[in-house]
Protein backbone atom coordinates (compact mmCIF):
# COMPACT_ATOMS: atom_id res chain seq x y z
CA MET A 1 -23.26 10.96 6.18
CA GLY A 2 -20.84 10.26 9.68
CA ILE A 3 -18.21 12.63 11.17
CA VAL A 4 -15.52 10.23 9.48
CA GLU A 5 -17.63 10.24 5.93
CA GLU A 6 -17.95 14.08 5.72
CA ALA A 7 -13.83 14.85 6.87
CA HIS A 8 -12.93 12.84 3.86
CA ASN A 9 -15.41 13.34 1.69
CA VAL A 10 -15.89 9.69 0.81
CA ARG A 11 -18.58 9.12 -2.41
CA VAL A 12 -19.88 6.16 -2.78
CA ILE A 13 -20.98 5.56 -6.36
CA GLY A 14 -21.46 2.48 -8.50
CA GLN A 15 -23.51 -0.85 -8.47
CA GLU A 16 -23.31 -2.56 -5.14
CA GLY A 17 -23.84 -5.89 -4.93
CA ARG A 18 -22.59 -6.77 -7.94
CA ARG A 19 -18.95 -7.58 -8.16
CA GLY A 20 -18.04 -6.76 -4.94
CA THR A 21 -16.83 -2.69 -3.45
CA ILE A 22 -13.64 -1.10 -4.34
CA VAL A 23 -11.72 1.75 -2.11
CA LEU A 24 -9.40 3.51 -4.17
CA ALA A 25 -7.07 5.79 -2.55
CA HIS A 26 -5.00 8.52 -3.44
CA GLY A 27 -1.47 9.51 -2.90
CA PHE A 28 0.90 12.84 -1.47
CA GLY A 29 -0.47 15.81 -3.22
CA THR A 30 -3.78 14.26 -5.12
CA ASP A 31 -7.32 13.80 -4.10
CA GLN A 32 -9.80 11.13 -5.30
CA SER A 33 -9.81 13.28 -9.01
CA VAL A 34 -6.55 10.90 -9.60
CA TRP A 35 -8.61 8.11 -10.22
CA LYS A 36 -10.98 10.12 -13.04
CA HIS A 37 -9.89 7.72 -15.77
CA LEU A 38 -10.08 4.33 -14.18
CA VAL A 39 -13.87 4.75 -12.48
CA PRO A 40 -15.81 5.33 -15.70
CA HIS A 41 -14.95 1.23 -15.87
CA LEU A 42 -15.47 -0.12 -12.50
CA VAL A 43 -18.83 1.47 -12.29
CA GLU A 44 -21.10 -0.71 -14.16
CA ASP A 45 -19.88 -3.81 -12.21
CA TYR A 46 -18.59 -2.58 -9.23
CA ARG A 47 -19.97 -0.01 -5.50
CA LEU A 48 -16.85 1.87 -5.78
CA VAL A 49 -15.43 3.71 -2.44
CA LEU A 50 -13.24 7.37 -2.80
CA PHE A 51 -12.29 9.19 -0.07
CA ASP A 52 -9.61 12.11 0.70
CA THR A 53 -6.26 11.49 2.73
CA MET A 54 -6.63 14.60 5.84
CA GLY A 55 -3.86 17.06 3.93
CA ALA A 56 -5.39 16.95 0.90
CA GLY A 57 -5.96 20.18 -0.43
CA THR A 58 -9.88 19.51 -0.65
CA THR A 59 -10.03 18.58 3.09
CA ASN A 60 -10.74 21.04 5.82
CA PRO A 61 -6.81 21.79 6.92
CA ASP A 62 -8.51 22.39 10.61
CA TYR A 63 -9.31 18.39 10.80
CA PHE A 64 -5.09 18.34 10.44
CA ASP A 65 -3.83 17.00 13.83
CA PHE A 66 0.36 17.66 13.26
CA ASP A 67 0.35 14.99 15.61
CA ARG A 68 -1.33 12.42 14.65
CA TYR A 69 -0.22 11.94 10.98
CA ALA A 70 3.41 12.73 11.75
CA THR A 71 3.18 8.50 11.22
CA ILE A 72 1.70 6.26 8.77
CA GLU A 73 -0.68 4.44 11.46
CA GLY A 74 -2.15 7.41 11.58
CA TYR A 75 -3.67 7.43 8.32
CA ALA A 76 -4.24 4.05 8.56
CA LEU A 77 -6.50 4.78 11.47
CA ASP A 78 -8.74 6.94 9.45
CA LEU A 79 -8.88 4.55 6.59
CA LEU A 80 -10.08 2.30 9.35
CA ALA A 81 -12.53 4.37 10.50
CA ILE A 82 -14.03 5.17 7.03
CA MET A 83 -14.57 1.07 6.49
CA GLU A 84 -15.82 0.47 9.78
CA GLU A 85 -18.20 3.31 9.16
CA LEU A 86 -19.55 2.20 6.13
CA ARG A 87 -19.77 -1.49 7.74
CA LEU A 88 -17.14 -2.61 4.26
CA GLY A 89 -17.25 -6.58 3.78
CA PRO A 90 -13.75 -7.84 2.42
CA CYS A 91 -13.34 -5.72 -0.14
CA ILE A 92 -10.74 -4.84 -3.14
CA TYR A 93 -8.44 -1.91 -1.81
CA VAL A 94 -6.16 -0.08 -4.05
CA GLY A 95 -4.11 2.20 -2.60
CA HIS A 96 -1.55 5.04 -4.95
CA SER A 97 1.79 5.60 -4.21
CA VAL A 98 1.70 5.78 0.27
CA SER A 99 -1.78 4.54 -0.27
CA ALA A 100 -0.75 1.37 -0.53
CA VAL A 101 1.31 0.95 2.30
CA ILE A 102 -1.36 2.61 4.18
CA GLY A 103 -3.47 -0.15 3.19
CA ALA A 104 -1.50 -2.70 4.00
CA ILE A 105 -0.43 -1.83 7.41
CA ALA A 106 -4.63 -1.57 8.26
CA SER A 107 -5.22 -4.79 6.72
CA ILE A 108 -2.17 -6.01 9.75
CA SER A 109 -4.89 -5.66 12.22
CA ARG A 110 -7.80 -6.36 9.71
CA PRO A 111 -7.10 -8.69 7.15
CA ASP A 112 -10.76 -9.51 7.20
CA LEU A 113 -11.78 -6.17 5.84
CA PHE A 114 -9.43 -6.38 2.83
CA SER A 115 -9.46 -9.36 -0.43
CA LYS A 116 -6.74 -7.69 -1.92
CA ILE A 117 -4.50 -4.57 -2.04
CA VAL A 118 -3.20 -3.74 -5.44
CA MET A 119 -0.37 -1.16 -4.84
CA LEU A 120 0.64 0.97 -7.08
CA SER A 121 3.77 3.57 -7.57
CA ALA A 122 4.44 1.89 -3.58
CA SER A 123 7.57 2.14 -1.37
CA PRO A 124 7.88 0.90 1.89
CA ARG A 125 11.00 3.07 2.92
CA TYR A 126 12.73 6.11 0.18
CA LEU A 127 15.77 6.51 2.14
CA ASN A 128 18.87 4.15 0.83
CA ASP A 129 19.99 1.90 3.47
CA VAL A 130 22.57 -0.48 3.41
CA ASP A 131 21.46 -3.70 0.76
CA TYR A 132 18.19 -1.55 0.23
CA PHE A 133 17.55 1.05 -2.33
CA GLY A 134 14.69 2.83 -2.34
CA GLY A 135 15.69 6.55 -4.24
CA PHE A 136 16.73 8.82 -2.33
CA GLU A 137 19.99 10.03 0.18
CA GLN A 138 19.16 12.13 2.92
CA GLU A 139 20.72 15.41 1.68
CA GLU A 140 18.43 14.89 -1.35
CA LEU A 141 15.35 14.75 1.21
CA ASP A 142 16.68 17.54 2.99
CA GLN A 143 17.14 20.14 0.31
CA LEU A 144 13.25 18.98 -0.78
CA PHE A 145 12.03 20.36 2.65
CA ASP A 146 14.62 23.37 2.41
CA ALA A 147 12.51 24.18 -1.28
CA MET A 148 8.47 23.28 0.00
CA ARG A 149 10.07 25.18 3.04
CA SER A 150 11.42 28.67 1.13
CA ASN A 151 9.21 29.01 -2.16
CA TYR A 152 6.33 26.67 -1.79
CA LYS A 153 4.70 27.78 -5.45
CA ALA A 154 8.20 26.70 -6.85
CA TRP A 155 9.34 23.64 -5.58
CA VAL A 156 5.45 22.26 -6.81
CA SER A 157 6.79 24.09 -10.02
CA GLY A 158 9.66 22.47 -10.31
CA PHE A 159 8.19 18.90 -8.87
CA ALA A 160 5.70 18.00 -10.63
CA PRO A 161 6.62 17.41 -13.49
CA LEU A 162 9.76 15.66 -12.39
CA CYS A 163 7.14 13.72 -10.30
CA VAL A 164 4.71 12.69 -13.26
CA GLY A 165 7.42 12.92 -15.93
CA GLY A 166 6.63 15.60 -18.14
CA ASP A 167 6.46 19.06 -19.08
CA MET A 168 4.41 21.88 -17.36
CA ASP A 169 2.37 21.88 -20.95
CA SER A 170 1.25 18.38 -20.21
CA VAL A 171 -2.33 17.83 -18.59
CA ALA A 172 -1.32 15.33 -16.03
CA VAL A 173 1.56 17.90 -14.69
CA GLN A 174 -1.20 20.31 -15.13
CA GLU A 175 -3.65 18.75 -12.58
CA PHE A 176 -0.97 17.39 -10.10
CA SER A 177 0.20 21.16 -9.62
CA ARG A 178 -3.08 21.98 -8.79
CA THR A 179 -3.99 19.11 -6.35
CA LEU A 180 -0.30 20.60 -4.73
CA PHE A 181 -1.15 23.81 -4.83
CA ASN A 182 -4.81 23.19 -2.87
CA ILE A 183 -2.52 21.79 0.03
CA ARG A 184 -2.12 24.17 2.61
CA PRO A 185 1.78 24.68 2.73
CA ASP A 186 3.14 23.85 5.73
CA ILE A 187 0.65 20.56 6.29
CA ALA A 188 2.01 19.57 2.41
CA LEU A 189 5.79 19.72 4.12
CA SER A 190 4.88 17.92 7.18
CA VAL A 191 3.54 15.15 4.93
CA ALA A 192 6.30 14.90 2.84
CA GLU A 193 7.87 15.04 5.59
CA THR A 194 6.15 11.84 7.29
CA ILE A 195 6.02 10.26 4.21
CA PHE A 196 9.60 10.23 2.74
CA GLN A 197 11.36 9.94 6.36
CA SER A 198 9.12 6.87 7.18
CA ASP A 199 10.72 2.95 6.86
CA LEU A 200 7.62 0.36 6.78
CA ARG A 201 10.14 -2.64 5.85
CA ASN A 202 9.64 -4.26 9.72
CA VAL A 203 5.58 -4.51 9.20
CA LEU A 204 5.51 -5.83 5.21
CA GLY A 205 5.79 -10.38 6.70
CA LEU A 206 3.03 -8.74 8.55
CA VAL A 207 0.63 -8.68 5.80
CA THR A 208 -1.34 -11.12 4.88
CA VAL A 209 -3.95 -10.35 1.77
CA PRO A 210 -2.70 -10.63 -1.32
CA CYS A 211 -1.08 -8.08 -3.04
CA HIS A 212 -0.81 -6.96 -6.68
CA ILE A 213 2.35 -4.38 -7.08
CA LEU A 214 2.14 -2.45 -10.31
CA GLN A 215 5.08 0.14 -10.58
CA SER A 216 6.26 2.01 -13.85
CA SER A 217 9.27 1.16 -15.37
CA LYS A 218 10.90 4.60 -15.03
CA ASP A 219 9.05 6.64 -11.47
CA LEU A 220 11.26 9.47 -9.97
CA ALA A 221 10.40 8.36 -6.54
CA VAL A 222 10.33 4.51 -6.46
CA PRO A 223 12.53 2.46 -8.48
CA VAL A 224 12.04 -0.81 -9.75
CA VAL A 225 13.92 -2.88 -7.95
CA VAL A 226 11.77 -1.24 -4.44
CA SER A 227 8.60 -3.72 -6.22
CA GLU A 228 10.38 -6.47 -6.22
CA TYR A 229 11.24 -5.79 -2.84
CA LEU A 230 7.98 -6.19 -1.60
CA HIS A 231 7.31 -8.75 -3.70
CA ARG A 232 10.40 -10.91 -1.53
CA ASN A 233 9.52 -9.14 1.53
CA LEU A 234 5.24 -9.29 1.89
CA GLY A 235 3.76 -11.94 4.12
CA GLY A 236 1.04 -13.51 2.10
CA GLU A 237 0.59 -14.01 -2.07
CA SER A 238 2.13 -11.09 -4.05
CA ILE A 239 2.55 -10.44 -7.76
CA VAL A 240 4.58 -8.43 -9.18
CA GLU A 241 4.23 -5.94 -13.40
CA VAL A 242 6.26 -3.57 -13.88
CA MET A 243 4.85 -1.48 -16.79
CA PRO A 244 6.09 0.18 -19.80
CA SER A 245 4.82 3.74 -18.59
CA GLU A 246 6.93 7.25 -17.01
CA GLY A 247 5.86 8.66 -14.27
CA HIS A 248 4.62 8.45 -9.59
CA LEU A 249 1.26 9.03 -10.96
CA PRO A 250 1.02 6.68 -14.56
CA GLN A 251 -2.74 6.52 -13.94
CA LEU A 252 -2.35 10.52 -15.31
CA SER A 253 0.08 10.36 -16.95
CA CYS A 254 -0.31 6.97 -18.95
CA PRO A 255 -3.42 5.91 -18.67
CA GLU A 256 -3.62 4.70 -21.51
CA ILE A 257 -1.54 2.01 -19.98
CA VAL A 258 -1.97 1.64 -16.39
CA ILE A 259 -5.62 1.41 -16.61
CA PRO A 260 -5.76 -2.01 -18.39
CA VAL A 261 -3.71 -3.55 -15.86
CA LEU A 262 -5.21 -2.06 -13.09
CA LEU A 263 -8.25 -3.29 -14.35
CA ARG A 264 -6.90 -7.21 -14.75
CA HIS A 265 -5.59 -6.39 -11.75
CA ILE A 266 -9.11 -5.86 -9.52
CA ARG A 267 -10.88 -8.09 -11.83
CA TYR A 268 -8.46 -11.71 -11.79
CA ASP A 269 -6.71 -12.84 -8.32
CA ILE A 270 -3.06 -14.24 -8.10
CA ALA A 271 -3.44 -17.32 -9.93
CA ILE A 272 -1.65 -20.13 -6.86
């Protein structure tokens, strides 16, 4: 195993050569375990590549470079390094939340590595702007960052159920709380600031790989209108499906709804 693979806890499982390779990439506050409900449905037909983004609680915090990961591009470079080290050809990339956009950015320089991108709960910008509704005002984000700084444990206890869309007793909320608690608080704050303050709208037109945009009908972090914005502004073919699921991590909170939708978009291409 190479240095890049080891640093990101890369796992390669499933059947190589049957229906191709799928890369599964998790979002903020989680790790590769977030795909636990999806993986069993794919291992018989696909080779699966799972990894942890740098800063996740399962990675070595000593490897987290605050300057490198002050931009989303730093994560895109990591993704390309993993794909190149594994010598992946065109693959299906499934990215949740920020990792959907990370994959899109990576595909701009290396479209040959991606056959399509399945975006789950993706957003190019979380801040509201003129003629753009991202879901948050700057004051709200500042309050979120302040809460993380002042008492990270208390912040997690409040943020997890809001983000997942459930009470603290739900399995999905407990799982998200666990992975959030695993992250070193200063790293979690830095990652949150990078994600929530990012604005990648100007590069969407450079993304030419086909994109499947999947969105919960109710998501605290990403309003439904954002999925339509992505659809209108991506440079290649795209399709949107709004699911009757709730929360920003629907693959955890509503697997009975979301997993069949993910499988359909993984297996079938956009009809042109």
